[in-house]
Amino acid sequence: MRKFLVVLGILAIVVMAGCGGGGGTATPTVAITLNGATPSQPNPTVEPIAALSLPAKPAGSAFVAAADCIPAGTTFSAPVTLTFHLVTPLPAGATLLLFETDAGDNWTQVPGIHPITVSADRLTLSVNVSKFSDFRYYAIFSVPVP
């Protein structure tokens, strides 16, 4: 069974000053909060993934944070929250999108709208998901505003 990495690339315009990612070169931490949801598989966990361990990022984007969600394909009876704690503040002025990898390790934007909440100090990002990716990763990328 393949692990799947939740790529947080959630559609949310946030107040940022540049087109950068966040977190710098250090790996952000990640946690899952079940919010009372029941998982379809036992012991769902999330692990942080360093940018260098991921497939090539989507064109024009900047890495912000990523998680390996185990076991892949786990569904939840209600949305769960993935919370990323960045090492350096997220720059202002970018749009954040939630992505996941597909069977070929290519990034695809997660279907639907998944707002990413950014804390006032721009060091914490949260996103709700109802399932873990069927493949490897979820990640959040900042993308330029068209």
Protein backbone atom coordinates (compact mmCIF):
# COMPACT_ATOMS: atom_id res chain seq x y z
CA MET A 1 0.00 0.00 0.00
CA ARG A 2 1.37 3.40 -0.93
CA LYS A 3 1.55 6.18 1.57
CA PHE A 4 0.01 9.36 0.42
CA LEU A 5 1.27 12.79 0.95
CA VAL A 6 -1.19 15.52 1.43
CA VAL A 7 -0.15 18.48 -0.55
CA LEU A 8 -1.68 21.51 0.86
CA GLY A 9 -2.21 23.84 -1.96
CA ILE A 10 -5.50 25.22 -0.84
CA LEU A 11 -7.31 27.97 -2.63
CA ALA A 12 -7.03 30.96 -0.33
CA ILE A 13 -5.88 34.44 -0.97
CA VAL A 14 -3.91 35.65 1.99
CA VAL A 15 -2.28 38.94 2.78
CA MET A 16 1.37 38.38 1.92
CA ALA A 17 4.17 40.63 0.71
CA GLY A 18 5.91 38.38 -1.75
CA CYS A 19 5.60 35.29 -3.86
CA GLY A 20 7.55 33.03 -1.58
CA GLY A 21 6.68 29.90 0.22
CA GLY A 22 7.21 29.88 3.91
CA GLY A 23 9.06 27.67 6.22
CA GLY A 24 12.45 28.40 4.63
CA THR A 25 14.69 25.37 4.13
CA ALA A 26 13.72 23.73 7.44
CA THR A 27 10.82 21.27 7.43
CA PRO A 28 7.58 22.57 8.98
CA THR A 29 5.86 20.30 11.50
CA VAL A 30 2.35 18.91 10.93
CA ALA A 31 -0.43 17.55 13.13
CA ILE A 32 -3.88 16.07 12.56
CA THR A 33 -6.95 16.87 14.64
CA LEU A 34 -9.82 14.41 14.17
CA ASN A 35 -12.53 16.83 15.41
CA GLY A 36 -14.59 13.80 16.53
CA ALA A 37 -14.46 12.19 13.07
CA THR A 38 -14.25 8.42 12.70
CA PRO A 39 -11.51 7.19 10.30
CA SER A 40 -12.15 4.32 7.86
CA GLN A 41 -8.78 2.80 8.82
CA PRO A 42 -7.11 2.61 12.25
CA ASN A 43 -4.46 5.00 13.53
CA PRO A 44 -4.34 7.74 10.88
CA THR A 45 -1.13 9.75 11.16
CA VAL A 46 0.62 12.59 9.36
CA GLU A 47 4.36 13.14 9.03
CA PRO A 48 6.13 16.25 7.73
CA ILE A 49 7.95 15.97 4.42
CA ALA A 50 10.92 18.12 3.40
CA ALA A 51 10.70 19.91 0.06
CA LEU A 52 13.77 18.04 -1.22
CA SER A 53 11.96 14.71 -0.71
CA LEU A 54 9.01 15.67 -2.91
CA PRO A 55 8.38 15.36 -6.65
CA ALA A 56 9.13 18.50 -8.68
CA LYS A 57 6.85 21.37 -7.64
CA PRO A 58 4.16 22.71 -9.97
CA ALA A 59 5.49 25.29 -12.46
CA GLY A 60 5.63 28.81 -11.06
CA SER A 61 4.88 27.75 -7.49
CA ALA A 62 6.84 27.90 -4.24
CA PHE A 63 6.83 25.13 -1.61
CA VAL A 64 5.20 26.02 1.70
CA ALA A 65 4.56 22.75 3.59
CA ALA A 66 3.73 19.08 2.98
CA ALA A 67 2.60 15.96 4.81
CA ASP A 68 2.69 12.22 4.30
CA CYS A 69 -0.74 10.96 5.40
CA ILE A 70 -0.90 7.33 6.45
CA PRO A 71 -2.66 5.09 5.61
CA ALA A 72 -3.32 6.34 2.07
CA GLY A 73 -6.96 6.59 1.03
CA THR A 74 -8.29 6.83 4.60
CA THR A 75 -11.68 8.55 4.65
CA PHE A 76 -13.27 10.33 7.62
CA SER A 77 -16.88 10.62 8.77
CA ALA A 78 -16.37 14.39 9.01
CA PRO A 79 -13.56 16.76 7.97
CA VAL A 80 -10.30 16.56 9.93
CA THR A 81 -7.84 19.42 10.31
CA LEU A 82 -4.23 19.32 9.14
CA THR A 83 -2.19 22.00 10.90
CA PHE A 84 1.26 23.03 9.69
CA HIS A 85 3.66 24.98 11.90
CA LEU A 86 6.17 26.88 9.77
CA VAL A 87 9.73 27.69 10.80
CA THR A 88 9.66 31.19 9.30
CA PRO A 89 6.60 33.37 8.65
CA LEU A 90 4.81 33.01 5.36
CA PRO A 91 5.48 36.07 3.18
CA ALA A 92 2.51 38.29 2.46
CA GLY A 93 0.91 38.58 -1.00
CA ALA A 94 0.36 35.05 -2.37
CA THR A 95 -2.43 32.60 -3.07
CA LEU A 96 -2.17 29.20 -1.38
CA LEU A 97 -3.44 26.05 -3.06
CA LEU A 98 -3.79 22.46 -1.84
CA PHE A 99 -2.24 19.80 -4.08
CA GLU A 100 -1.84 16.04 -3.98
CA THR A 101 0.27 13.63 -5.98
CA ASP A 102 -1.24 11.25 -8.50
CA ALA A 103 -0.17 7.73 -9.54
CA GLY A 104 2.68 9.19 -11.61
CA ASP A 105 4.00 11.44 -8.81
CA ASN A 106 2.63 14.53 -10.58
CA TRP A 107 0.99 17.31 -8.58
CA THR A 108 -2.71 17.96 -9.12
CA GLN A 109 -4.82 20.54 -7.35
CA VAL A 110 -7.21 18.88 -4.91
CA PRO A 111 -10.76 19.12 -6.34
CA GLY A 112 -13.23 21.38 -4.56
CA ILE A 113 -12.57 24.37 -2.38
CA HIS A 114 -10.26 23.84 0.59
CA PRO A 115 -9.67 27.19 2.31
CA ILE A 116 -6.35 27.43 4.10
CA THR A 117 -6.45 29.38 7.33
CA VAL A 118 -3.35 31.45 8.05
CA SER A 119 -2.61 32.61 11.61
CA ALA A 120 -2.02 36.31 12.34
CA ASP A 121 1.72 35.69 12.81
CA ARG A 122 1.78 33.73 9.48
CA LEU A 123 3.49 30.76 11.19
CA THR A 124 0.53 28.35 11.26
CA LEU A 125 -1.58 27.05 8.36
CA SER A 126 -4.67 24.87 8.76
CA VAL A 127 -6.81 23.06 6.20
CA ASN A 128 -9.73 20.65 6.51
CA VAL A 129 -9.84 17.44 4.45
CA SER A 130 -12.33 14.56 4.39
CA LYS A 131 -9.88 11.94 3.16
CA PHE A 132 -6.21 11.19 2.74
CA SER A 133 -4.83 11.16 -0.80
CA ASP A 134 -4.95 7.81 -2.59
CA PHE A 135 -1.30 8.19 -3.49
CA ARG A 136 1.51 9.86 -1.62
CA TYR A 137 1.37 13.45 -0.55
CA TYR A 138 -0.60 16.57 0.23
CA ALA A 139 1.26 19.84 -0.03
CA ILE A 140 0.62 23.54 0.09
CA PHE A 141 2.21 25.72 -2.55
CA SER A 142 2.01 29.45 -3.03
CA VAL A 143 1.22 30.47 -6.58
CA PRO A 144 1.35 33.86 -8.26
CA VAL A 145 -1.92 35.71 -8.50
CA PRO A 146 -2.82 36.04 -12.22
